[in-house]
Protein backbone atom coordinates (compact mmCIF):
# COMPACT_ATOMS: atom_id res chain seq x y z
CA MET A 1 17.43 24.99 17.18
CA PRO A 2 18.37 24.58 13.18
CA ASN A 3 17.37 21.94 11.39
CA GLN A 4 19.98 19.72 11.62
CA ASN A 5 19.54 16.93 8.96
CA HIS A 6 19.04 19.33 5.74
CA ARG A 7 15.95 17.66 4.85
CA PRO A 8 13.09 20.51 4.67
CA ARG A 9 9.91 19.59 7.23
CA TRP A 10 7.70 19.67 4.31
CA LEU A 11 9.55 17.31 2.32
CA ARG A 12 9.15 14.58 5.61
CA ALA A 13 5.71 15.46 5.97
CA LEU A 14 4.95 15.11 2.12
CA LEU A 15 6.74 11.90 2.43
CA GLY A 16 4.28 10.85 5.70
CA VAL A 17 1.24 11.71 4.06
CA VAL A 18 1.99 9.96 0.99
CA ALA A 19 2.99 6.82 2.62
CA VAL A 20 -0.17 6.78 4.89
CA LEU A 21 -2.01 7.19 1.75
CA THR A 22 -0.31 4.11 0.05
CA ALA A 23 -1.08 2.37 3.34
CA LEU A 24 -4.65 3.05 2.74
CA ALA A 25 -4.65 1.92 -0.89
CA ALA A 26 -2.88 -1.29 0.21
CA ALA A 27 -5.94 -1.94 3.13
CA TRP A 28 -8.29 -1.37 0.55
CA THR A 29 -7.00 -3.79 -1.93
CA SER A 30 -6.21 -6.16 0.71
CA TRP A 31 -9.98 -6.25 1.65
CA GLN A 32 -11.02 -6.43 -2.16
CA ALA A 33 -8.52 -9.64 -2.64
CA TRP A 34 -10.09 -11.19 0.54
CA VAL A 35 -13.74 -10.46 -0.85
CA LEU A 36 -12.88 -11.85 -4.58
CA LEU A 37 -10.93 -14.98 -2.75
CA ARG A 38 -14.40 -15.98 -1.13
CA LEU A 39 -16.39 -16.06 -4.26
CA PRO A 40 -17.96 -19.19 -5.53
CA TYR A 41 -16.51 -19.76 -8.86
CA ASN A 42 -17.99 -22.20 -11.62
CA GLU A 43 -16.05 -24.70 -13.38
CA GLN A 44 -14.57 -22.12 -15.84
CA GLY A 45 -13.50 -19.85 -13.01
CA ARG A 46 -15.74 -17.35 -13.19
CA HIS A 47 -18.39 -15.78 -10.82
CA PHE A 48 -21.19 -13.34 -12.18
CA ASP A 49 -22.35 -10.89 -9.16
CA GLY A 50 -25.20 -9.49 -11.87
CA LEU A 51 -23.01 -6.46 -13.12
CA VAL A 52 -19.74 -7.87 -13.38
CA VAL A 53 -17.58 -11.03 -14.06
CA HIS A 54 -15.05 -12.01 -11.98
CA HIS A 55 -12.34 -14.42 -12.84
CA GLU A 56 -10.68 -16.93 -10.48
CA GLY A 57 -7.15 -15.68 -10.60
CA THR A 58 -7.63 -11.73 -9.95
CA GLY A 59 -7.44 -12.21 -5.97
CA GLU A 60 -4.05 -13.91 -6.22
CA VAL A 61 -3.10 -10.83 -8.29
CA LEU A 62 -4.70 -8.35 -6.27
CA ALA A 63 -2.84 -9.60 -3.11
CA GLY A 64 0.17 -9.86 -4.47
CA VAL A 65 -0.54 -6.10 -5.69
CA ALA A 66 -1.16 -5.22 -2.27
CA VAL A 67 1.93 -6.77 -0.59
CA GLY A 68 3.58 -4.95 -2.78
CA LEU A 69 1.53 -1.40 -1.51
CA TRP A 70 2.06 -2.50 2.33
CA LEU A 71 5.89 -2.73 1.69
CA LEU A 72 6.00 0.49 -0.06
CA ALA A 73 4.27 2.24 2.33
CA ALA A 74 6.24 0.69 5.19
CA GLY A 75 9.49 2.01 3.53
CA GLY A 76 7.97 5.33 3.39
CA LEU A 77 7.07 5.40 6.97
CA ALA A 78 10.12 4.32 7.66
CA LEU A 79 12.19 6.88 5.47
CA ALA A 80 10.24 9.61 6.74
CA ARG A 81 10.80 8.61 10.49
CA ARG A 82 14.66 8.48 9.82
CA TRP A 83 14.90 11.78 8.10
CA ARG A 84 12.98 13.02 11.33
CA ARG A 85 15.47 11.74 13.97
CA PRO A 86 18.77 13.94 14.31
CA GLY A 87 21.66 12.52 12.30
CA GLY A 88 19.29 10.39 10.44
CA SER A 89 20.40 11.69 7.02
CA LEU A 90 21.05 8.55 4.30
CA SER A 91 23.88 10.91 2.48
């Protein structure tokens, strides 16, 4: 049976792969934000781990980036799934 929704299969597959890679980046960013939020900071809002000085607001910024990545990944997966169903074109 021919493809009814005018989207090539490789494009749907590529969108799904990009969405999964974005979800992996979101998971790593979420983990890194969680680690940074748990560090003990001094009075100046700094933590030195022997190699890098971490600043106190970095965890919150990374958490915001992680939320954006999770939303982007969810949107990409939803779009790839919508394109997969018959009659799921967005035009």
